[in-house]
Amino acid sequence: MRLQKIEIDPSTMRLEVDIMEQKGSFAIVVCDGKAKLTELPSHGETIIVTHQGKVKRVKFNEGEEF
C-alpha cells in the first residue's frame, strides 16, 4: 500500500514528520482528522480525488521516458 498512516496527537491535534527520514519527494494528505503520507513517483502524476469537500481516493498514474 502506498499510503502510510501518520499518527496525529489527539491532545494537541498536531502531527510530526521527520523529513530527513523520507526519501525523495512526498505528499501529506489530511482530511477528517486523519493524515496519510505517500511517496511521489519519479515520472507520473498523483491525483487526489475529492467528493463533497472530503478526500475520496488518491490515484497514481506512472510512466517512464522512452
N, C-alpha and C. Protein backbone atom coordinates (compact mmCIF):
# COMPACT_ATOMS: atom_id res chain seq x y z
N MET A 1 0.84 -1.18 0.00
CA MET A 1 0.00 0.00 0.00
C MET A 1 0.89 1.24 0.00
N ARG A 2 0.56 2.17 -0.82
CA ARG A 2 1.40 3.37 -0.96
C ARG A 2 1.15 4.42 0.12
N LEU A 3 -0.06 4.48 0.62
CA LEU A 3 -0.39 5.48 1.64
C LEU A 3 -0.03 4.94 3.02
N GLN A 4 0.77 5.72 3.74
CA GLN A 4 1.18 5.33 5.09
C GLN A 4 0.48 6.24 6.09
N LYS A 5 -0.16 5.65 7.07
CA LYS A 5 -0.87 6.42 8.08
C LYS A 5 0.13 7.17 8.96
N ILE A 6 -0.17 8.43 9.23
CA ILE A 6 0.65 9.25 10.14
C ILE A 6 -0.19 9.49 11.38
N GLU A 7 0.38 9.23 12.53
CA GLU A 7 -0.34 9.43 13.79
C GLU A 7 -0.44 10.92 14.12
N ILE A 8 -1.65 11.33 14.50
CA ILE A 8 -1.90 12.69 14.96
C ILE A 8 -2.11 12.63 16.47
N ASP A 9 -1.39 13.48 17.19
CA ASP A 9 -1.53 13.53 18.65
C ASP A 9 -2.92 14.07 18.98
N PRO A 10 -3.80 13.26 19.58
CA PRO A 10 -5.17 13.71 19.82
C PRO A 10 -5.30 14.86 20.83
N SER A 11 -4.34 14.98 21.72
CA SER A 11 -4.43 16.06 22.72
C SER A 11 -4.10 17.42 22.12
N THR A 12 -3.19 17.46 21.14
CA THR A 12 -2.79 18.74 20.53
C THR A 12 -3.28 18.87 19.09
N MET A 13 -3.74 17.75 18.49
CA MET A 13 -4.16 17.70 17.08
C MET A 13 -3.02 18.16 16.15
N ARG A 14 -1.80 17.73 16.48
CA ARG A 14 -0.62 18.04 15.66
C ARG A 14 0.00 16.74 15.18
N LEU A 15 0.66 16.83 14.04
CA LEU A 15 1.41 15.68 13.55
C LEU A 15 2.85 16.09 13.34
N GLU A 16 3.73 15.11 13.50
CA GLU A 16 5.15 15.37 13.31
C GLU A 16 5.69 14.38 12.29
N VAL A 17 6.47 14.91 11.33
CA VAL A 17 7.08 14.09 10.29
C VAL A 17 8.56 14.45 10.23
N ASP A 18 9.41 13.44 10.35
CA ASP A 18 10.85 13.65 10.21
C ASP A 18 11.17 13.64 8.71
N ILE A 19 11.37 14.83 8.15
CA ILE A 19 11.58 14.91 6.70
C ILE A 19 12.93 14.33 6.27
N MET A 20 13.86 14.23 7.18
CA MET A 20 15.16 13.64 6.85
C MET A 20 15.04 12.12 6.70
N GLU A 21 13.99 11.55 7.25
CA GLU A 21 13.75 10.11 7.19
C GLU A 21 13.14 9.71 5.85
N GLN A 22 12.52 10.65 5.16
CA GLN A 22 11.83 10.38 3.90
C GLN A 22 12.80 10.45 2.73
N LYS A 23 12.55 9.58 1.74
CA LYS A 23 13.39 9.56 0.54
C LYS A 23 12.65 10.27 -0.59
N GLY A 24 13.32 11.16 -1.29
CA GLY A 24 12.72 11.82 -2.44
C GLY A 24 11.56 12.74 -2.09
N SER A 25 10.67 12.91 -3.06
CA SER A 25 9.52 13.79 -2.89
C SER A 25 8.36 13.01 -2.28
N PHE A 26 7.56 13.70 -1.48
CA PHE A 26 6.41 13.06 -0.86
C PHE A 26 5.31 14.08 -0.66
N ALA A 27 4.10 13.58 -0.43
CA ALA A 27 2.95 14.43 -0.16
C ALA A 27 2.25 13.92 1.09
N ILE A 28 1.67 14.85 1.84
CA ILE A 28 0.87 14.52 3.01
C ILE A 28 -0.55 15.00 2.75
N VAL A 29 -1.51 14.09 2.90
CA VAL A 29 -2.92 14.42 2.68
C VAL A 29 -3.62 14.33 4.03
N VAL A 30 -4.36 15.40 4.39
CA VAL A 30 -5.06 15.46 5.67
C VAL A 30 -6.54 15.67 5.40
N CYS A 31 -7.40 14.86 6.05
CA CYS A 31 -8.84 15.00 5.91
C CYS A 31 -9.52 14.33 7.10
N ASP A 32 -10.49 14.99 7.68
CA ASP A 32 -11.28 14.44 8.79
C ASP A 32 -10.44 13.95 9.96
N GLY A 33 -9.40 14.67 10.30
CA GLY A 33 -8.57 14.29 11.44
C GLY A 33 -7.65 13.11 11.18
N LYS A 34 -7.54 12.67 9.93
CA LYS A 34 -6.62 11.60 9.55
C LYS A 34 -5.59 12.16 8.60
N ALA A 35 -4.36 11.65 8.70
CA ALA A 35 -3.28 12.09 7.81
C ALA A 35 -2.59 10.88 7.23
N LYS A 36 -2.26 10.96 5.94
CA LYS A 36 -1.53 9.89 5.28
C LYS A 36 -0.43 10.50 4.42
N LEU A 37 0.68 9.76 4.34
CA LEU A 37 1.85 10.21 3.60
C LEU A 37 2.05 9.25 2.43
N THR A 38 2.44 9.79 1.28
CA THR A 38 2.75 8.96 0.12
C THR A 38 3.98 9.50 -0.58
N GLU A 39 4.79 8.58 -1.07
CA GLU A 39 5.95 8.95 -1.86
C GLU A 39 5.48 9.26 -3.28
N LEU A 40 6.00 10.31 -3.88
CA LEU A 40 5.60 10.69 -5.23
C LEU A 40 6.46 9.95 -6.25
N PRO A 41 5.85 9.51 -7.37
CA PRO A 41 6.62 8.79 -8.38
C PRO A 41 7.61 9.71 -9.09
N SER A 42 8.70 9.13 -9.58
CA SER A 42 9.71 9.95 -10.26
C SER A 42 9.21 10.44 -11.61
N HIS A 43 8.36 9.65 -12.28
CA HIS A 43 7.74 10.06 -13.55
C HIS A 43 6.27 9.69 -13.46
N GLY A 44 5.39 10.65 -13.49
CA GLY A 44 3.97 10.36 -13.42
C GLY A 44 3.22 11.46 -12.69
N GLU A 45 2.01 11.11 -12.29
CA GLU A 45 1.20 12.08 -11.58
C GLU A 45 0.46 11.39 -10.44
N THR A 46 0.19 12.16 -9.42
CA THR A 46 -0.59 11.69 -8.28
C THR A 46 -1.81 12.58 -8.21
N ILE A 47 -2.99 11.97 -8.27
CA ILE A 47 -4.25 12.71 -8.32
C ILE A 47 -5.00 12.48 -7.02
N ILE A 48 -5.37 13.57 -6.36
CA ILE A 48 -6.16 13.50 -5.14
C ILE A 48 -7.60 13.80 -5.53
N VAL A 49 -8.46 12.81 -5.40
CA VAL A 49 -9.87 12.93 -5.80
C VAL A 49 -10.69 13.28 -4.56
N THR A 50 -11.49 14.35 -4.67
CA THR A 50 -12.34 14.76 -3.55
C THR A 50 -13.80 14.64 -3.93
N HIS A 51 -14.64 14.49 -2.92
CA HIS A 51 -16.09 14.43 -3.13
C HIS A 51 -16.74 15.10 -1.93
N GLN A 52 -17.53 16.11 -2.18
CA GLN A 52 -18.21 16.89 -1.15
C GLN A 52 -17.23 17.40 -0.09
N GLY A 53 -16.09 17.89 -0.56
CA GLY A 53 -15.11 18.50 0.34
C GLY A 53 -14.26 17.53 1.13
N LYS A 54 -14.34 16.24 0.82
CA LYS A 54 -13.55 15.24 1.54
C LYS A 54 -12.73 14.44 0.54
N VAL A 55 -11.58 13.95 1.00
CA VAL A 55 -10.72 13.14 0.14
C VAL A 55 -11.37 11.78 -0.04
N LYS A 56 -11.59 11.41 -1.28
CA LYS A 56 -12.23 10.14 -1.61
C LYS A 56 -11.19 9.07 -1.91
N ARG A 57 -10.18 9.42 -2.73
CA ARG A 57 -9.13 8.47 -3.06
C ARG A 57 -7.91 9.21 -3.59
N VAL A 58 -6.79 8.51 -3.64
CA VAL A 58 -5.56 9.02 -4.24
C VAL A 58 -5.19 8.06 -5.35
N LYS A 59 -5.05 8.59 -6.57
CA LYS A 59 -4.76 7.77 -7.74
C LYS A 59 -3.36 8.08 -8.24
N PHE A 60 -2.68 7.04 -8.72
CA PHE A 60 -1.33 7.17 -9.23
C PHE A 60 -1.32 6.79 -10.70
N ASN A 61 -0.71 7.63 -11.53
CA ASN A 61 -0.55 7.36 -12.95
C ASN A 61 0.93 7.53 -13.24
N GLU A 62 1.62 6.40 -13.42
CA GLU A 62 3.07 6.44 -13.61
C GLU A 62 3.45 6.13 -15.05
N GLY A 63 4.55 6.66 -15.46
CA GLY A 63 5.10 6.38 -16.78
C GLY A 63 6.61 6.47 -16.71
N GLU A 64 7.23 6.20 -17.81
CA GLU A 64 8.68 6.27 -17.86
C GLU A 64 9.09 6.81 -19.22
N GLU A 65 10.07 7.68 -19.26
CA GLU A 65 10.56 8.25 -20.51
C GLU A 65 11.11 7.14 -21.40
N PHE A 66 10.84 7.23 -22.70
CA PHE A 66 11.32 6.21 -23.63
C PHE A 66 12.66 6.57 -24.17
